[in-house]
Amino acid sequence: MEKARAWLDNLRVDPLELRTVGIKGKKKLVEQLDSYYRLWQVAPEEQKAKLLERVREVVAITYEARYHDMATTGDRWFKQDATSYLRAAVLMERLGLETALYREEIKKIHGRLNDHMGKRGPHQRRVFHWYYKHFNLAEPFPLEGALEAGVIARRVEPAKLTNDEVYALTHEVYAVYEYGDRRDIDPFDSASKAYLRTTVEELIRRYVAKGDPDLAGELVECLHYLRMQDSPAYADGVRFLLDSQNPDGSWGTYARQEKRLGEFVNHGFRLHTTLVAIGALTAIFERPMVSEPGRSELAEESEPLEP
């Protein structure tokens, strides 16, 4: 995590600059902010202040009028940025940062968010349900039950899942656990949990074999939230993540994409994979799930994997 933090500290993310090279700028700002948030959650008290100082540098642009262009940007960029735009404000508030201006800007785009909700997939609608509730926004139609049309509810066979569908599956899990911030719940019924166990185990084996820490990391984190740490695939996935960190502290190998993007490959691809690894490993080693759903406190100690 120290190496990962050093890599993040050397990465400058300007969302408006990234948009000029075809990269989802607000999404990348949130990926960097989210990475620091995960590190802040597990940091010793003496390090939290320094992390917050760095976070303030990262989010400084959100206090500028030019960042808040969601009312005027085109439909393509609005759809790509909307989820991240709201998540940035959520994370800032969880870190204790001022968001009064940000909240006013969110209110201004409430109607536009509503207009786009019909175009969103199940896991996105479920996340927006959480964000709408957080910001006290009225929903255009009920969003809480969106996952009834999702990958998990449809019981798609793991062998038939495309990369995009695997991503949708992991984000259905993320959505109900609020990316690990709600750990005292048991949201899936027994049939769903049985499907998830066998499916996620098979998918972890697939992506470890492919050498893909991005989806492997998301899948391992999902098993952690589901309290399925007894799975052999879980241990294999964790070891894979630990072994696949790059020497510079990041995760992900993107030689082909680097030819097209140059240094922006760090923003376009490697940043997301690094966030995934940080999220999974900080949860696994530092933020264990409680043993019984319904308890709101962390377990007393983390139990590391056997070597």
Protein backbone atom coordinates (compact mmCIF):
# COMPACT_ATOMS: atom_id res chain seq x y z
CA MET A 1 0.00 0.00 0.00
CA GLU A 2 2.92 2.36 0.60
CA LYS A 3 4.14 1.71 -2.94
CA ALA A 4 0.64 2.20 -4.32
CA ARG A 5 0.28 5.46 -2.43
CA ALA A 6 3.59 6.73 -3.82
CA TRP A 7 2.35 5.97 -7.34
CA LEU A 8 -0.89 7.86 -6.69
CA ASP A 9 1.02 10.81 -5.24
CA ASN A 10 2.92 11.17 -8.52
CA LEU A 11 -0.21 11.03 -10.70
CA ARG A 12 -1.82 14.33 -11.68
CA VAL A 13 -5.49 14.00 -12.66
CA ASP A 14 -7.14 16.97 -14.37
CA PRO A 15 -10.60 15.79 -15.45
CA LEU A 16 -11.05 18.48 -18.07
CA GLU A 17 -7.64 17.85 -19.61
CA LEU A 18 -8.34 14.12 -19.76
CA ARG A 19 -11.59 14.73 -21.60
CA THR A 20 -9.63 16.41 -24.43
CA VAL A 21 -7.81 13.12 -25.06
CA GLY A 22 -10.98 11.05 -24.96
CA ILE A 23 -10.72 9.81 -21.35
CA LYS A 24 -13.60 10.07 -18.88
CA GLY A 25 -12.14 12.81 -16.73
CA LYS A 26 -14.53 12.87 -13.78
CA LYS A 27 -14.42 9.08 -13.59
CA LYS A 28 -10.63 9.19 -13.30
CA LEU A 29 -10.76 11.90 -10.65
CA VAL A 30 -13.07 9.66 -8.64
CA GLU A 31 -10.80 6.64 -9.12
CA GLN A 32 -7.90 8.57 -7.63
CA LEU A 33 -10.07 10.01 -4.85
CA ASP A 34 -11.55 6.59 -4.11
CA SER A 35 -8.06 5.08 -3.90
CA TYR A 36 -7.05 7.64 -1.29
CA TYR A 37 -10.34 7.10 0.56
CA ARG A 38 -9.61 3.37 0.88
CA LEU A 39 -6.12 4.13 2.14
CA TRP A 40 -7.45 6.76 4.56
CA GLN A 41 -9.94 4.27 6.02
CA VAL A 42 -7.17 1.93 7.14
CA ALA A 43 -4.41 4.47 7.85
CA PRO A 44 -3.02 4.93 11.36
CA GLU A 45 -4.29 8.11 12.99
CA GLU A 46 -0.94 9.83 12.58
CA GLN A 47 -1.14 9.40 8.78
CA LYS A 48 -4.75 10.45 8.23
CA ALA A 49 -4.05 14.19 8.30
CA LYS A 50 -1.36 13.90 5.64
CA LEU A 51 -3.63 11.80 3.45
CA LEU A 52 -6.38 14.38 3.79
CA GLU A 53 -3.94 17.09 2.78
CA ARG A 54 -3.23 15.17 -0.43
CA VAL A 55 -6.95 14.57 -1.00
CA ARG A 56 -7.59 18.31 -0.78
CA GLU A 57 -5.07 18.78 -3.60
CA VAL A 58 -6.84 16.13 -5.69
CA VAL A 59 -10.33 17.61 -5.22
CA ALA A 60 -9.32 21.28 -5.44
CA ILE A 61 -10.77 21.49 -8.95
CA THR A 62 -14.24 20.61 -7.60
CA TYR A 63 -14.34 24.04 -5.97
CA GLU A 64 -13.91 25.72 -9.38
CA ALA A 65 -16.85 26.65 -11.59
CA ARG A 66 -15.26 25.03 -14.66
CA TYR A 67 -15.57 21.57 -13.11
CA HIS A 68 -19.35 21.88 -12.68
CA ASP A 69 -20.32 21.68 -16.34
CA MET A 70 -22.87 18.89 -16.07
CA ALA A 71 -25.80 21.15 -16.94
CA THR A 72 -24.24 22.20 -20.25
CA THR A 73 -22.10 19.28 -21.42
CA GLY A 74 -23.33 17.04 -24.22
CA ASP A 75 -25.40 13.93 -23.60
CA ARG A 76 -22.48 11.56 -24.25
CA TRP A 77 -20.24 13.11 -21.63
CA PHE A 78 -23.13 13.61 -19.22
CA LYS A 79 -24.01 9.92 -19.30
CA GLN A 80 -20.37 8.91 -18.89
CA ASP A 81 -19.68 11.32 -16.02
CA ALA A 82 -22.94 11.41 -14.04
CA THR A 83 -22.28 8.48 -11.68
CA SER A 84 -18.75 9.66 -10.95
CA TYR A 85 -19.91 13.24 -10.47
CA LEU A 86 -22.20 12.18 -7.63
CA ARG A 87 -19.74 9.69 -6.16
CA ALA A 88 -17.05 12.35 -5.83
CA ALA A 89 -19.33 14.39 -3.59
CA VAL A 90 -20.23 11.31 -1.51
CA LEU A 91 -16.55 10.50 -0.95
CA MET A 92 -15.70 14.09 -0.10
CA GLU A 93 -18.41 14.14 2.54
CA ARG A 94 -17.21 10.86 4.01
CA LEU A 95 -13.80 12.44 4.31
CA GLY A 96 -15.31 15.46 6.07
CA LEU A 97 -14.76 17.94 3.23
CA GLU A 98 -17.00 20.89 2.38
CA THR A 99 -19.56 20.20 -0.38
CA ALA A 100 -22.16 22.97 -0.06
CA LEU A 101 -21.43 24.32 -3.57
CA TYR A 102 -21.24 20.81 -4.96
CA ARG A 103 -24.66 19.93 -3.54
CA GLU A 104 -26.19 23.02 -5.13
CA GLU A 105 -24.78 21.99 -8.51
CA ILE A 106 -26.19 18.48 -8.09
CA LYS A 107 -29.65 19.94 -7.46
CA LYS A 108 -29.39 21.84 -10.74
CA ILE A 109 -28.99 18.63 -12.75
CA HIS A 110 -31.65 16.61 -10.94
CA GLY A 111 -34.02 16.78 -13.89
CA ARG A 112 -31.33 15.78 -16.35
CA LEU A 113 -30.33 12.85 -14.17
CA ASN A 114 -33.96 11.73 -14.16
CA ASP A 115 -34.16 11.96 -17.94
CA HIS A 116 -31.14 9.65 -18.29
CA MET A 117 -32.25 7.08 -15.73
CA GLY A 118 -34.22 5.07 -18.27
CA LYS A 119 -31.00 4.49 -20.23
CA ARG A 120 -29.11 3.06 -17.26
CA GLY A 121 -28.39 -0.60 -16.61
CA PRO A 122 -29.57 -2.42 -13.45
CA HIS A 123 -26.42 -1.95 -11.35
CA GLN A 124 -26.21 1.72 -12.30
CA ARG A 125 -29.82 2.31 -11.29
CA ARG A 126 -29.18 0.59 -7.97
CA VAL A 127 -26.19 2.84 -7.30
CA PHE A 128 -28.25 5.89 -8.23
CA HIS A 129 -30.89 4.77 -5.74
CA TRP A 130 -28.22 5.08 -3.05
CA TYR A 131 -26.99 8.45 -4.36
CA TYR A 132 -30.51 9.86 -4.75
CA LYS A 133 -31.21 8.91 -1.17
CA HIS A 134 -27.91 10.40 0.02
CA PHE A 135 -28.63 13.76 -1.66
CA ASN A 136 -32.36 13.72 -0.88
CA LEU A 137 -33.38 13.67 -4.55
CA ALA A 138 -36.75 12.34 -5.68
CA GLU A 139 -36.47 9.28 -7.92
CA PRO A 140 -38.12 9.44 -11.37
CA PHE A 141 -39.33 5.86 -10.81
CA PRO A 142 -38.43 3.22 -8.18
CA LEU A 143 -34.73 2.37 -8.45
CA GLU A 144 -34.19 0.16 -5.42
CA GLY A 145 -35.36 -3.02 -7.15
CA ALA A 146 -33.27 -2.50 -10.27
CA LEU A 147 -31.17 -5.63 -9.65
CA GLU A 148 -34.21 -7.82 -10.30
CA ALA A 149 -33.21 -7.50 -13.96
CA GLY A 150 -29.47 -7.91 -13.31
CA VAL A 151 -26.94 -10.63 -14.06
CA ILE A 152 -27.27 -12.24 -10.64
CA ALA A 153 -31.06 -12.45 -10.81
CA ARG A 154 -30.89 -13.95 -14.31
CA ARG A 155 -28.42 -16.62 -13.15
CA VAL A 156 -26.28 -16.32 -16.27
CA GLU A 157 -23.87 -19.24 -16.54
CA PRO A 158 -20.29 -18.11 -15.78
CA ALA A 159 -18.92 -19.58 -19.01
CA LYS A 160 -21.32 -17.39 -20.98
CA LEU A 161 -20.50 -14.13 -19.20
CA THR A 162 -18.63 -11.54 -21.26
CA ASN A 163 -16.15 -9.17 -19.64
CA ASP A 164 -18.82 -6.45 -19.54
CA GLU A 165 -21.29 -8.80 -17.87
CA VAL A 166 -18.68 -9.83 -15.29
CA TYR A 167 -18.13 -6.14 -14.58
CA ALA A 168 -21.91 -5.73 -14.20
CA LEU A 169 -22.04 -8.67 -11.78
CA THR A 170 -19.29 -7.29 -9.53
CA HIS A 171 -20.95 -3.88 -9.52
CA GLU A 172 -24.27 -5.39 -8.53
CA VAL A 173 -22.49 -6.68 -5.43
CA TYR A 174 -20.71 -3.36 -4.93
CA ALA A 175 -23.99 -1.47 -5.24
CA VAL A 176 -25.73 -3.19 -2.34
CA TYR A 177 -22.65 -3.15 -0.10
CA GLU A 178 -21.95 0.48 -1.07
CA TYR A 179 -18.42 -0.48 -2.08
CA GLY A 180 -17.79 -2.00 1.32
CA ASP A 181 -19.06 0.89 3.43
CA ARG A 182 -22.13 -1.16 4.43
CA ARG A 183 -20.71 -4.33 5.88
CA ASP A 184 -23.37 -5.22 8.44
CA ILE A 185 -25.93 -6.48 5.92
CA ASP A 186 -26.82 -9.79 4.30
CA PRO A 187 -28.56 -8.66 1.08
CA PHE A 188 -28.69 -11.84 -1.01
CA ASP A 189 -30.97 -14.84 -0.50
CA SER A 190 -29.56 -18.36 -0.27
CA ALA A 191 -30.16 -19.16 -3.96
CA SER A 192 -28.35 -15.98 -5.03
CA LYS A 193 -25.44 -16.71 -2.69
CA ALA A 194 -25.13 -20.25 -4.06
CA TYR A 195 -25.03 -18.86 -7.61
CA LEU A 196 -22.53 -16.19 -6.62
CA ARG A 197 -20.17 -18.62 -4.90
CA THR A 198 -19.85 -21.01 -7.83
CA THR A 199 -19.88 -18.26 -10.45
CA VAL A 200 -17.35 -15.96 -8.79
CA GLU A 201 -15.03 -18.89 -8.02
CA GLU A 202 -15.02 -19.94 -11.68
CA LEU A 203 -14.52 -16.36 -12.83
CA ILE A 204 -11.60 -15.78 -10.47
CA ARG A 205 -9.90 -18.83 -11.95
CA ARG A 206 -10.56 -17.44 -15.43
CA TYR A 207 -9.05 -14.02 -14.79
CA VAL A 208 -6.11 -15.25 -12.74
CA ALA A 209 -5.26 -17.56 -15.65
CA LYS A 210 -5.51 -14.57 -18.00
CA GLY A 211 -3.23 -12.50 -15.75
CA ASP A 212 -5.95 -9.84 -15.34
CA PRO A 213 -5.74 -8.13 -11.92
CA ASP A 214 -8.58 -5.75 -12.79
CA LEU A 215 -11.47 -8.20 -12.91
CA ALA A 216 -9.76 -10.73 -10.64
CA GLY A 217 -9.46 -8.03 -7.98
CA GLU A 218 -13.11 -7.03 -8.25
CA LEU A 219 -14.20 -10.66 -7.97
CA VAL A 220 -12.03 -11.33 -4.90
CA GLU A 221 -13.39 -8.23 -3.22
CA CYS A 222 -16.92 -9.45 -3.91
CA LEU A 223 -16.18 -12.80 -2.24
CA HIS A 224 -14.91 -10.86 0.75
CA TYR A 225 -18.12 -8.83 1.06
CA LEU A 226 -20.14 -12.04 0.67
CA ARG A 227 -18.16 -13.63 3.55
CA MET A 228 -16.92 -16.44 1.34
CA GLN A 229 -13.28 -16.22 2.38
CA ASP A 230 -13.18 -19.99 2.85
CA SER A 231 -13.13 -20.46 -0.93
CA PRO A 232 -9.81 -21.72 -2.36
CA ALA A 233 -10.38 -19.30 -5.24
CA TYR A 234 -10.36 -16.43 -2.73
CA ALA A 235 -6.89 -17.28 -1.45
CA ASP A 236 -5.61 -17.84 -5.00
CA GLY A 237 -6.99 -14.47 -6.08
CA VAL A 238 -5.41 -12.64 -3.15
CA ARG A 239 -2.01 -14.18 -3.83
CA PHE A 240 -2.34 -13.26 -7.49
CA LEU A 241 -3.03 -9.62 -6.59
CA LEU A 242 -0.06 -9.50 -4.23
CA ASP A 243 2.24 -11.03 -6.85
CA SER A 244 1.09 -8.85 -9.76
CA GLN A 245 1.88 -5.38 -8.39
CA ASN A 246 4.15 -3.44 -10.73
CA PRO A 247 7.55 -2.26 -9.46
CA ASP A 248 6.30 1.36 -9.46
CA GLY A 249 3.42 0.47 -7.08
CA SER A 250 0.61 0.34 -9.64
CA TRP A 251 -1.25 -2.65 -11.06
CA GLY A 252 -2.00 -3.59 -14.65
CA THR A 253 0.00 -4.20 -17.84
CA TYR A 254 -1.29 -2.26 -20.84
CA ALA A 255 1.42 -2.27 -23.51
CA ARG A 256 -1.00 -2.15 -26.43
CA GLN A 257 -3.01 0.73 -24.94
CA GLU A 258 0.20 2.60 -24.10
CA LYS A 259 1.10 2.75 -27.79
CA ARG A 260 -2.12 4.69 -28.37
CA LEU A 261 -2.30 6.80 -25.20
CA GLY A 262 1.32 7.26 -24.17
CA GLU A 263 1.61 8.51 -20.59
CA PHE A 264 -2.18 8.79 -20.37
CA VAL A 265 -2.36 4.99 -20.16
CA ASN A 266 -1.85 5.54 -16.43
CA HIS A 267 -5.08 7.51 -16.29
CA GLY A 268 -7.08 5.56 -18.85
CA PHE A 269 -6.32 2.06 -17.61
CA ARG A 270 -3.76 1.59 -14.85
CA LEU A 271 -5.49 3.91 -12.37
CA HIS A 272 -8.66 1.82 -12.33
CA THR A 273 -6.75 -1.44 -11.87
CA THR A 274 -4.74 0.10 -9.04
CA LEU A 275 -7.95 1.28 -7.34
CA VAL A 276 -9.36 -2.24 -7.63
CA ALA A 277 -6.27 -3.77 -6.04
CA ILE A 278 -6.19 -1.18 -3.25
CA GLY A 279 -9.89 -1.68 -2.58
CA ALA A 280 -9.59 -5.46 -2.44
CA LEU A 281 -6.40 -5.65 -0.39
CA THR A 282 -7.33 -3.00 2.16
CA ALA A 283 -10.67 -4.74 2.69
CA ILE A 284 -9.11 -8.19 2.95
CA PHE A 285 -6.24 -7.37 5.30
CA GLU A 286 -7.41 -4.26 7.15
CA ARG A 287 -11.22 -4.10 7.06
CA PRO A 288 -12.52 -7.62 7.67
CA MET A 289 -16.22 -8.30 7.32
CA VAL A 290 -18.06 -8.89 10.57
CA SER A 291 -18.76 -12.56 11.14
CA GLU A 292 -22.48 -12.07 11.75
CA PRO A 293 -24.70 -9.88 9.54
CA GLY A 294 -26.38 -7.23 11.63
CA ARG A 295 -23.33 -6.23 13.65
CA SER A 296 -22.10 -2.77 12.76
CA GLU A 297 -18.66 -3.05 14.32
CA LEU A 298 -15.52 -4.40 12.69
CA ALA A 299 -14.10 -7.66 13.90
CA GLU A 300 -11.49 -7.11 16.57
CA GLU A 301 -8.59 -8.29 14.46
CA SER A 302 -7.87 -9.13 10.86
CA GLU A 303 -6.77 -12.70 10.28
CA PRO A 304 -4.17 -12.74 7.48
CA LEU A 305 -4.03 -15.57 4.99
CA GLU A 306 -1.79 -18.46 5.83
CA PRO A 307 1.46 -18.33 3.77
